[in-house]
Amino acid sequence: MAQKPWSIDSYKMFPAEQQPVWPDPVYHRAILEEIRNQPPLVFAGEVRELKRQLAEVAQGKAFLLQAGDCAEEFQGTHGKNIREKLKILLQMAVVLTYGNLTPVVKIGRIAGQYSKPRSKPTEEVNGQTLPSFRGDSVNAITPTLEARTPDSNRLLRAYHQSAATLNLLRAFTHGGFADLSRVHSWNLDFVKNSPLGNKYEAMAEDITRALAFMRACGIDSEKFPQLHQVDLYTSHEALLLDYEAALSRVDSLTGDWYNCSAHFIWIGERTRQLDGAHLEYFRGIKNPVGVKIGPTCDRDTLLKLVEKLNPENEPGRLTLITRFGADKIESCLPPLVRAVRDEGASVVWSCDPMHGNTYTTTNGYKTRHFEKIVSELDQFFQIHVSEGTHPGGVHLELTGDHVTECLGGVEDITDEELPYRYNTACDPRLNAKQSLELSLHISEILKKKAHQRPDLGLTVG
């Protein structure tokens, strides 16, 4: 059945979940108008290039690494913090590329991840019932009624913080910081003197020797920009629809609408209703988009989501980000994979092994265990190999900081150690050592799966 005509405002005719109640609607509209008149944060040409690369992922010719903060904080948008996040992303990407000899598409949860869905509108803090913290673009984490009241000015600040972050990322990724000859410098300080750091340094030394050989043959970064710079794309959950619509633009070349707040945006598990406003907005923009798929998603719902979001079956357009939990993925994922495969739908399958494995410890800290994260990833890859489909990528919450928010890993972080450096504004993140350990593990999985399924196009090193 043909879908109804779409416009940039047609989402307003549908129920919208997880939207804040702004105290002053007139002032809120004025803020949105100011955002509407600001320059776009990303450009349609960049978005089209990402879609092309994601089409390679869908066809098994590349791998997707999407990672970054659970919830960015305004106070964390400074040069050192951004550089450390970029370091761990570059480090993970080079591990995956070197270990598997497969291109890695790099998308950061960065430069816009300022809002978060919440399971309840209120929460108890120090015996006081307050509005839930919904991310810095909506309210403040400070536990007072004034701070927790939604403030439209924060949307404008989110725009400017995103612009500042993007400017620095572009300078880093195209100004020499990401040159492969600097591969040693991406090893974060607290990782260096560790078995993981030593393993990475050995890999970096091999890359350095290979680059020296290439230079001797007349191939260097001055002549080949692929060695000197990288493409890093931005993404966030497009939760606040009025903000996203205000940053949507008509491309002058094609006449199509693009979301220009990020290269890639996704719909969360809580807002993917088939008759909801988020789906209506997403179906009309030309960006590559994602949708989170959890245990509540059945076969028929998934096929309807795929049809609505990618009616032309365009490779690279749609990424299905699965988040079941290590204990549920074996029963939940296979029938969904079969349904999409049998329908002939072109999608990128990506695994979010974080959200389905979240729980609260006896001492009140929300956390995830590294072993559960690894277990869900292992099952994700094995299921796709068994079903003859391509395990396209991973979607992770991590930081370059030396935090103690997820249990286990090479450091074997325990419950008692969580309070030492528990700094997240919302959900627990992998620290740099855990992130590097996970990328090494994924690299080994990819090599093993390539042996099992050579037709997937994964090259064995």
Protein backbone atom coordinates (compact mmCIF):
# COMPACT_ATOMS: atom_id res chain seq x y z
CA MET A 1 0.00 0.00 0.00
CA ALA A 2 1.35 3.41 -0.99
CA GLN A 3 2.42 5.65 1.87
CA LYS A 4 0.82 9.04 2.37
CA PRO A 5 2.64 12.16 1.13
CA TRP A 6 5.46 13.30 3.40
CA SER A 7 6.43 16.81 4.45
CA ILE A 8 8.94 18.16 6.95
CA ASP A 9 6.04 18.81 9.35
CA SER A 10 3.94 15.69 8.71
CA TYR A 11 5.40 14.02 11.84
CA LYS A 12 3.35 16.49 13.90
CA MET A 13 0.20 14.60 12.90
CA PHE A 14 1.43 11.46 14.71
CA PRO A 15 1.88 10.62 18.41
CA ALA A 16 5.42 11.37 19.57
CA GLU A 17 6.97 9.52 22.49
CA GLN A 18 9.74 10.83 24.79
CA GLN A 19 9.21 14.52 23.98
CA PRO A 20 9.81 17.03 26.80
CA VAL A 21 7.09 19.40 27.94
CA TRP A 22 8.63 22.82 27.33
CA PRO A 23 7.40 25.41 29.87
CA ASP A 24 7.07 28.31 27.40
CA PRO A 25 5.82 27.13 23.97
CA VAL A 26 6.12 30.59 22.39
CA TYR A 27 9.74 30.99 23.45
CA HIS A 28 10.42 27.40 22.41
CA ARG A 29 9.20 28.13 18.89
CA ALA A 30 11.46 31.20 18.75
CA ILE A 31 14.48 29.07 19.70
CA LEU A 32 13.60 26.54 17.00
CA GLU A 33 13.36 29.34 14.46
CA GLU A 34 16.82 30.53 15.45
CA ILE A 35 18.18 27.01 14.99
CA ARG A 36 16.41 26.79 11.63
CA ASN A 37 18.34 29.85 10.48
CA GLN A 38 21.74 28.45 11.53
CA PRO A 39 24.11 26.78 9.02
CA PRO A 40 23.80 23.00 8.67
CA LEU A 41 26.16 20.91 10.79
CA VAL A 42 26.78 18.34 8.03
CA PHE A 43 26.29 18.41 4.28
CA ALA A 44 24.28 16.29 1.88
CA GLY A 45 27.36 15.23 -0.08
CA GLU A 46 28.99 13.85 3.07
CA VAL A 47 25.79 11.99 3.93
CA ARG A 48 25.60 10.43 0.47
CA GLU A 49 29.20 9.25 0.77
CA LEU A 50 28.42 7.58 4.08
CA LYS A 51 25.43 5.85 2.53
CA ARG A 52 27.70 4.57 -0.25
CA GLN A 53 30.12 3.17 2.32
CA LEU A 54 27.29 1.57 4.31
CA ALA A 55 26.14 -0.11 1.09
CA GLU A 56 29.57 -1.78 1.06
CA VAL A 57 28.91 -2.95 4.63
CA ALA A 58 25.51 -4.36 3.64
CA GLN A 59 27.23 -6.33 0.88
CA GLY A 60 29.88 -7.76 3.21
CA LYS A 61 32.73 -5.70 1.76
CA ALA A 62 33.33 -3.48 4.80
CA PHE A 63 32.68 -3.40 8.55
CA LEU A 64 30.86 -0.77 10.62
CA LEU A 65 32.31 0.60 13.86
CA GLN A 66 29.81 2.93 15.54
CA ALA A 67 30.88 4.01 19.00
CA GLY A 68 31.06 6.84 21.49
CA ASP A 69 29.42 8.38 24.51
CA CYS A 70 26.18 7.22 26.04
CA ALA A 71 25.22 10.87 26.61
CA GLU A 72 27.54 13.72 25.75
CA GLU A 73 27.82 16.49 28.34
CA PHE A 74 28.23 20.19 27.62
CA GLN A 75 31.03 20.40 30.17
CA GLY A 76 32.87 17.57 28.39
CA THR A 77 33.08 19.36 25.04
CA HIS A 78 36.69 20.45 25.24
CA GLY A 79 39.70 19.66 23.11
CA LYS A 80 41.34 17.02 25.27
CA ASN A 81 38.13 15.05 25.76
CA ILE A 82 37.31 15.07 22.04
CA ARG A 83 40.88 14.06 21.16
CA GLU A 84 40.82 11.10 23.58
CA LYS A 85 37.52 9.85 22.15
CA LEU A 86 38.94 10.12 18.66
CA LYS A 87 42.10 8.27 19.70
CA ILE A 88 40.20 5.21 20.92
CA LEU A 89 38.02 5.17 17.78
CA LEU A 90 41.09 5.37 15.53
CA GLN A 91 42.85 2.73 17.59
CA MET A 92 39.91 0.32 17.40
CA ALA A 93 39.47 0.95 13.67
CA VAL A 94 43.11 0.24 12.87
CA VAL A 95 42.97 -2.98 14.91
CA LEU A 96 39.91 -4.13 12.97
CA THR A 97 41.35 -3.09 9.61
CA TYR A 98 44.81 -4.55 10.21
CA GLY A 99 43.55 -7.80 11.70
CA ASN A 100 40.96 -8.47 9.03
CA LEU A 101 42.18 -6.47 6.00
CA THR A 102 38.66 -5.07 5.58
CA PRO A 103 37.70 -1.38 5.30
CA VAL A 104 36.11 -0.01 8.48
CA VAL A 105 33.36 2.61 8.30
CA LYS A 106 33.79 4.85 11.34
CA ILE A 107 30.77 6.57 12.91
CA GLY A 108 31.03 8.31 16.26
CA ARG A 109 28.25 8.73 18.78
CA ILE A 110 29.47 12.30 19.00
CA ALA A 111 28.65 15.93 18.15
CA GLY A 112 24.95 15.64 18.98
CA GLN A 113 24.27 12.81 21.46
CA TYR A 114 22.81 15.23 24.01
CA SER A 115 19.37 13.72 24.64
CA LYS A 116 18.30 10.40 26.16
CA PRO A 117 14.99 8.51 26.39
CA ARG A 118 13.91 7.58 29.90
CA SER A 119 11.73 4.75 31.15
CA LYS A 120 9.90 7.05 33.59
CA PRO A 121 9.12 10.80 33.53
CA THR A 122 10.26 11.20 37.13
CA GLU A 123 12.88 9.69 39.41
CA GLU A 124 13.71 9.65 43.10
CA VAL A 125 16.88 11.54 44.05
CA ASN A 126 17.81 11.85 47.73
CA GLY A 127 14.22 11.20 48.73
CA GLN A 128 12.86 13.87 46.35
CA THR A 129 10.72 13.19 43.28
CA LEU A 130 12.16 15.13 40.32
CA PRO A 131 11.73 15.16 36.54
CA SER A 132 14.09 12.61 35.00
CA PHE A 133 17.34 13.83 33.50
CA ARG A 134 16.82 13.71 29.72
CA GLY A 135 20.24 14.86 28.54
CA ASP A 136 21.97 18.21 28.46
CA SER A 137 19.93 19.42 25.48
CA VAL A 138 16.80 19.28 27.67
CA ASN A 139 17.69 19.76 31.34
CA ALA A 140 20.57 19.51 33.81
CA ILE A 141 21.59 16.50 35.87
CA THR A 142 21.75 18.66 39.05
CA PRO A 143 19.08 17.24 41.41
CA THR A 144 16.90 20.32 41.83
CA LEU A 145 13.48 21.13 40.38
CA GLU A 146 14.84 24.23 38.64
CA ALA A 147 17.70 22.34 36.99
CA ARG A 148 15.45 19.46 35.90
CA THR A 149 12.87 21.75 34.27
CA PRO A 150 13.25 21.59 30.46
CA ASP A 151 14.99 24.70 29.10
CA SER A 152 14.69 25.55 25.39
CA ASN A 153 17.96 27.51 25.50
CA ARG A 154 19.73 24.18 25.88
CA LEU A 155 18.71 23.20 22.34
CA LEU A 156 20.57 26.20 20.96
CA ARG A 157 23.57 25.35 23.11
CA ALA A 158 23.44 21.75 21.86
CA TYR A 159 23.67 23.07 18.30
CA HIS A 160 26.70 25.25 19.08
CA GLN A 161 28.44 22.52 21.10
CA SER A 162 27.90 20.09 18.22
CA ALA A 163 29.33 22.63 15.76
CA ALA A 164 32.41 23.15 17.92
CA THR A 165 32.96 19.40 18.26
CA LEU A 166 32.57 18.87 14.52
CA ASN A 167 35.06 21.63 13.74
CA LEU A 168 37.69 20.02 15.93
CA LEU A 169 36.99 16.52 14.61
CA ARG A 170 37.40 17.73 11.03
CA ALA A 171 40.68 19.41 11.96
CA PHE A 172 41.96 16.22 13.61
CA THR A 173 40.82 13.77 10.93
CA HIS A 174 41.95 15.86 7.93
CA GLY A 175 44.82 17.85 9.42
CA GLY A 176 47.39 15.13 10.06
CA PHE A 177 46.38 13.74 13.48
CA ALA A 178 44.83 10.67 11.80
CA ASP A 179 47.86 10.05 9.53
CA LEU A 180 48.78 6.36 9.76
CA SER A 181 52.36 7.35 10.53
CA ARG A 182 51.02 8.58 13.91
CA VAL A 183 49.55 5.19 14.78
CA HIS A 184 51.76 4.94 17.90
CA SER A 185 50.40 8.23 19.25
CA TRP A 186 46.84 6.90 19.36
CA ASN A 187 47.73 4.57 22.26
CA LEU A 188 46.26 6.30 25.30
CA ASP A 189 48.61 6.94 28.20
CA PHE A 190 46.98 4.64 30.77
CA VAL A 191 46.80 1.82 28.19
CA LYS A 192 50.44 1.96 27.03
CA ASN A 193 52.14 0.07 29.84
CA SER A 194 49.84 -2.94 29.79
CA PRO A 195 49.65 -6.25 27.91
CA LEU A 196 46.94 -4.77 25.65
CA GLY A 197 49.00 -1.66 25.02
CA ASN A 198 52.03 -3.77 24.20
CA LYS A 199 49.99 -5.86 21.76
CA TYR A 200 48.75 -2.70 20.07
CA GLU A 201 52.29 -1.27 19.94
CA ALA A 202 53.53 -4.43 18.21
CA MET A 203 50.78 -4.02 15.61
CA ALA A 204 51.62 -0.33 15.25
CA GLU A 205 55.29 -1.21 14.69
CA ASP A 206 54.30 -3.58 11.88
CA ILE A 207 52.23 -0.80 10.29
CA THR A 208 55.12 1.65 10.64
CA ARG A 209 57.48 -0.78 8.90
CA ALA A 210 54.94 -1.33 6.12
CA LEU A 211 54.63 2.45 5.65
CA ALA A 212 58.42 2.78 5.48
CA PHE A 213 58.49 0.12 2.77
CA MET A 214 55.73 1.93 0.87
CA ARG A 215 57.62 5.24 1.11
CA ALA A 216 60.69 3.53 -0.30
CA CYS A 217 58.51 2.51 -3.23
CA GLY A 218 57.32 6.08 -3.72
CA ILE A 219 53.96 5.73 -1.94
CA ASP A 220 53.46 8.17 0.95
CA SER A 221 50.72 10.19 2.62
CA GLU A 222 51.50 13.31 0.59
CA LYS A 223 50.51 11.50 -2.59
CA PHE A 224 47.79 9.27 -1.15
CA PRO A 225 45.38 11.10 1.18
CA GLN A 226 43.94 7.77 2.35
CA LEU A 227 47.10 7.40 4.46
CA HIS A 228 46.93 10.95 5.80
CA GLN A 229 43.28 11.40 6.74
CA VAL A 230 40.17 9.42 7.64
CA ASP A 231 36.44 9.84 7.22
CA LEU A 232 34.76 10.02 10.61
CA TYR A 233 31.00 10.44 10.50
CA THR A 234 28.74 11.64 13.30
CA SER A 235 25.56 10.13 14.70
CA HIS A 236 23.08 10.37 17.52
CA GLU A 237 19.64 9.13 18.50
CA ALA A 238 17.26 11.61 16.86
CA LEU A 239 14.95 11.84 19.85
CA LEU A 240 13.83 15.49 19.87
CA LEU A 241 11.86 15.77 16.67
CA ASP A 242 11.35 19.55 16.67
CA TYR A 243 15.14 20.05 16.94
CA GLU A 244 15.83 17.51 14.18
CA ALA A 245 13.23 19.07 11.88
CA ALA A 246 14.72 22.52 12.51
CA LEU A 247 18.08 21.19 11.29
CA SER A 248 16.66 19.53 8.18
CA ARG A 249 17.50 21.12 4.84
CA VAL A 250 16.58 20.70 1.16
CA ASP A 251 19.63 19.68 -0.87
CA SER A 252 20.19 22.19 -3.66
CA LEU A 253 21.46 19.48 -6.03
CA THR A 254 18.73 16.87 -5.65
CA GLY A 255 15.80 18.69 -4.05
CA ASP A 256 15.67 15.99 -1.35
CA TRP A 257 15.37 16.58 2.38
CA TYR A 258 18.37 15.71 4.55
CA ASN A 259 18.78 15.78 8.29
CA CYS A 260 21.81 18.05 8.73
CA SER A 261 22.33 17.60 12.47
CA ALA A 262 24.40 14.44 11.84
CA HIS A 263 25.41 12.12 9.02
CA PHE A 264 23.57 9.15 10.55
CA ILE A 265 20.65 9.16 12.99
CA TRP A 266 18.72 6.34 14.58
CA ILE A 267 15.37 5.59 16.21
CA GLY A 268 15.51 4.05 19.67
CA GLU A 269 13.71 0.98 20.98
CA ARG A 270 11.24 3.20 22.86
CA THR A 271 10.26 5.37 19.86
CA ARG A 272 9.98 2.98 16.89
CA GLN A 273 6.16 2.73 16.94
CA LEU A 274 4.83 2.00 13.43
CA ASP A 275 2.22 4.76 13.81
CA GLY A 276 4.57 7.12 15.63
CA ALA A 277 6.03 10.51 14.79
CA HIS A 278 9.64 9.29 14.72
CA LEU A 279 8.98 6.79 11.95
CA GLU A 280 7.05 9.41 10.00
CA TYR A 281 9.91 11.92 10.19
CA PHE A 282 12.59 9.35 9.36
CA ARG A 283 10.86 7.95 6.29
CA GLY A 284 11.11 11.27 4.46
CA ILE A 285 14.78 12.14 4.90
CA LYS A 286 17.53 10.73 2.68
CA ASN A 287 20.17 10.07 5.35
CA PRO A 288 21.24 6.56 6.15
CA VAL A 289 19.25 5.72 9.27
CA GLY A 290 19.17 3.09 11.97
CA VAL A 291 16.54 1.56 14.21
CA LYS A 292 17.14 -0.28 17.47
CA ILE A 293 15.63 -3.77 17.60
CA GLY A 294 15.08 -5.49 20.94
CA PRO A 295 13.19 -8.48 22.40
CA THR A 296 9.77 -6.83 21.93
CA CYS A 297 10.15 -6.70 18.14
CA ASP A 298 8.44 -9.55 16.27
CA ARG A 299 8.79 -10.65 12.67
CA ASP A 300 5.81 -8.74 11.27
CA THR A 301 6.76 -5.52 13.05
CA LEU A 302 10.31 -5.71 11.76
CA LEU A 303 9.24 -6.23 8.15
CA LYS A 304 6.88 -3.26 8.41
CA LEU A 305 9.71 -1.14 9.83
CA VAL A 306 11.96 -2.17 6.95
CA GLU A 307 9.27 -1.40 4.38
CA LYS A 308 8.52 2.03 5.88
CA LEU A 309 12.11 3.11 6.29
CA ASN A 310 13.53 1.61 3.09
CA PRO A 311 10.70 1.13 0.59
CA GLU A 312 13.08 1.26 -2.39
CA ASN A 313 15.38 -1.36 -0.81
CA GLU A 314 18.36 0.96 -1.20
CA PRO A 315 21.67 -0.57 0.00
CA GLY A 316 23.18 1.47 2.82
CA ARG A 317 19.93 3.24 3.71
CA LEU A 318 18.88 1.14 6.72
CA THR A 319 20.85 -0.29 9.63
CA LEU A 320 19.15 -2.67 12.06
CA ILE A 321 20.86 -2.31 15.44
CA THR A 322 20.05 -5.34 17.57
CA ARG A 323 20.06 -5.11 21.37
CA PHE A 324 18.72 -8.28 22.95
CA GLY A 325 21.08 -9.20 25.77
CA ALA A 326 23.34 -12.23 25.97
CA ASP A 327 20.57 -14.39 27.43
CA LYS A 328 17.96 -13.59 24.76
CA ILE A 329 19.77 -13.11 21.45
CA GLU A 330 19.86 -16.84 20.62
CA SER A 331 16.06 -17.10 20.72
CA CYS A 332 15.18 -13.63 19.40
CA LEU A 333 17.59 -12.86 16.55
CA PRO A 334 17.48 -15.89 14.18
CA PRO A 335 13.78 -15.60 13.19
CA LEU A 336 14.23 -11.87 12.51
CA VAL A 337 17.33 -12.46 10.38
CA ARG A 338 15.48 -15.13 8.38
CA ALA A 339 12.49 -12.85 7.83
CA VAL A 340 14.62 -10.03 6.45
CA ARG A 341 16.77 -12.40 4.40
CA ASP A 342 13.78 -14.18 2.88
CA GLU A 343 12.19 -10.84 2.03
CA GLY A 344 15.32 -9.93 0.05
CA ALA A 345 15.75 -6.71 2.02
CA SER A 346 19.14 -5.00 1.91
CA VAL A 347 20.08 -3.92 5.44
CA VAL A 348 23.15 -3.54 7.60
CA TRP A 349 22.98 -5.78 10.66
CA SER A 350 24.80 -4.19 13.61
CA CYS A 351 25.07 -5.47 17.18
CA ASP A 352 24.61 -3.26 20.23
CA PRO A 353 25.80 -5.60 23.00
CA MET A 354 25.52 -2.91 25.67
CA HIS A 355 21.89 -2.05 26.37
CA GLY A 356 20.45 -5.54 26.68
CA ASN A 357 23.07 -6.42 29.31
CA THR A 358 22.51 -3.50 31.69
CA TYR A 359 21.64 -4.15 35.33
CA THR A 360 21.91 -2.43 38.71
CA THR A 361 24.32 -3.75 41.36
CA THR A 362 23.49 -4.15 45.03
CA ASN A 363 25.37 -0.91 45.74
CA GLY A 364 23.09 0.99 43.34
CA TYR A 365 25.29 1.39 40.25
CA LYS A 366 23.95 0.70 36.78
CA THR A 367 26.56 -1.40 34.98
CA ARG A 368 27.32 -4.03 32.34
CA HIS A 369 29.68 -6.97 32.53
CA PHE A 370 32.35 -7.34 29.85
CA GLU A 371 31.77 -11.10 29.63
CA LYS A 372 28.08 -10.57 28.77
CA ILE A 373 29.01 -8.00 26.12
CA VAL A 374 31.46 -10.43 24.54
CA SER A 375 28.94 -13.27 24.75
CA GLU A 376 26.25 -11.31 22.88
CA LEU A 377 28.75 -10.32 20.20
CA ASP A 378 29.94 -13.90 19.77
CA GLN A 379 26.37 -15.14 19.37
CA PHE A 380 25.54 -12.29 16.96
CA PHE A 381 28.35 -13.29 14.61
CA GLN A 382 27.66 -17.01 14.84
CA ILE A 383 23.93 -16.57 14.14
CA HIS A 384 24.64 -14.58 10.99
CA VAL A 385 27.14 -17.10 9.73
CA SER A 386 24.62 -19.89 10.37
CA GLU A 387 21.87 -18.00 8.53
CA GLY A 388 24.06 -17.04 5.58
CA THR A 389 23.85 -13.31 6.29
CA HIS A 390 26.48 -10.70 6.98
CA PRO A 391 27.27 -9.52 10.54
CA GLY A 392 27.91 -5.94 9.49
CA GLY A 393 29.06 -4.04 12.53
CA VAL A 394 28.98 -3.11 16.19
CA HIS A 395 27.40 -0.25 18.11
CA LEU A 396 29.16 0.53 21.40
CA GLU A 397 29.06 3.00 24.27
CA LEU A 398 32.61 3.85 25.28
CA THR A 399 34.98 6.59 26.32
CA GLY A 400 38.68 7.30 26.08
CA ASP A 401 38.70 8.10 29.80
CA HIS A 402 39.97 5.74 32.49
CA VAL A 403 36.53 5.10 33.97
CA THR A 404 35.24 2.21 36.06
CA GLU A 405 31.67 1.82 34.80
CA CYS A 406 31.56 -1.65 33.22
CA LEU A 407 32.67 -4.72 35.16
CA GLY A 408 35.31 -7.23 34.10
CA GLY A 409 37.66 -6.96 31.18
CA VAL A 410 41.43 -7.21 31.31
CA GLU A 411 41.48 -5.10 34.48
CA ASP A 412 38.78 -7.29 36.05
CA ILE A 413 36.85 -4.33 37.46
CA THR A 414 34.69 -5.43 40.40
CA ASP A 415 31.53 -4.11 42.06
CA GLU A 416 33.63 -2.50 44.77
CA GLU A 417 35.66 -0.56 42.20
CA LEU A 418 32.68 0.97 40.35
CA PRO A 419 32.53 4.12 42.55
CA TYR A 420 36.21 4.96 41.93
CA ARG A 421 35.69 6.58 38.51
CA TYR A 422 31.98 6.27 37.72
CA ASN A 423 31.53 9.43 35.66
CA THR A 424 28.77 8.71 33.15
CA ALA A 425 25.77 11.04 32.88
CA CYS A 426 23.48 8.10 32.10
CA ASP A 427 24.58 4.60 31.06
CA PRO A 428 27.87 2.78 31.83
CA ARG A 429 30.59 2.91 29.15
CA LEU A 430 33.57 0.75 28.27
CA ASN A 431 36.86 2.41 29.13
CA ALA A 432 39.79 2.55 26.71
CA LYS A 433 41.35 -0.75 27.81
CA GLN A 434 38.04 -2.59 27.58
CA SER A 435 37.38 -0.99 24.17
CA LEU A 436 40.77 -2.05 22.82
CA GLU A 437 40.32 -5.55 24.24
CA LEU A 438 36.93 -5.80 22.55
CA SER A 439 38.27 -4.62 19.18
CA LEU A 440 41.02 -7.26 19.32
CA HIS A 441 38.37 -9.87 20.10
CA ILE A 442 36.14 -8.74 17.22
CA SER A 443 39.11 -8.83 14.87
CA GLU A 444 39.70 -12.47 15.76
CA ILE A 445 36.00 -13.26 15.28
CA LEU A 446 36.00 -11.71 11.81
CA LYS A 447 39.02 -13.74 10.75
CA LYS A 448 37.40 -16.93 12.05
CA LYS A 449 34.07 -16.19 10.35
CA ALA A 450 35.83 -15.46 7.07
CA HIS A 451 37.26 -18.98 7.21
CA GLN A 452 33.78 -20.37 7.86
CA ARG A 453 32.05 -18.26 5.20
CA PRO A 454 34.46 -17.11 2.48
CA ASP A 455 31.53 -16.03 0.31
CA LEU A 456 30.88 -13.13 2.72
CA GLY A 457 33.74 -11.26 1.13
CA LEU A 458 35.81 -10.97 4.31
CA THR A 459 39.47 -11.33 3.41
CA VAL A 460 41.58 -13.57 5.59
CA GLY A 461 44.97 -12.09 6.49
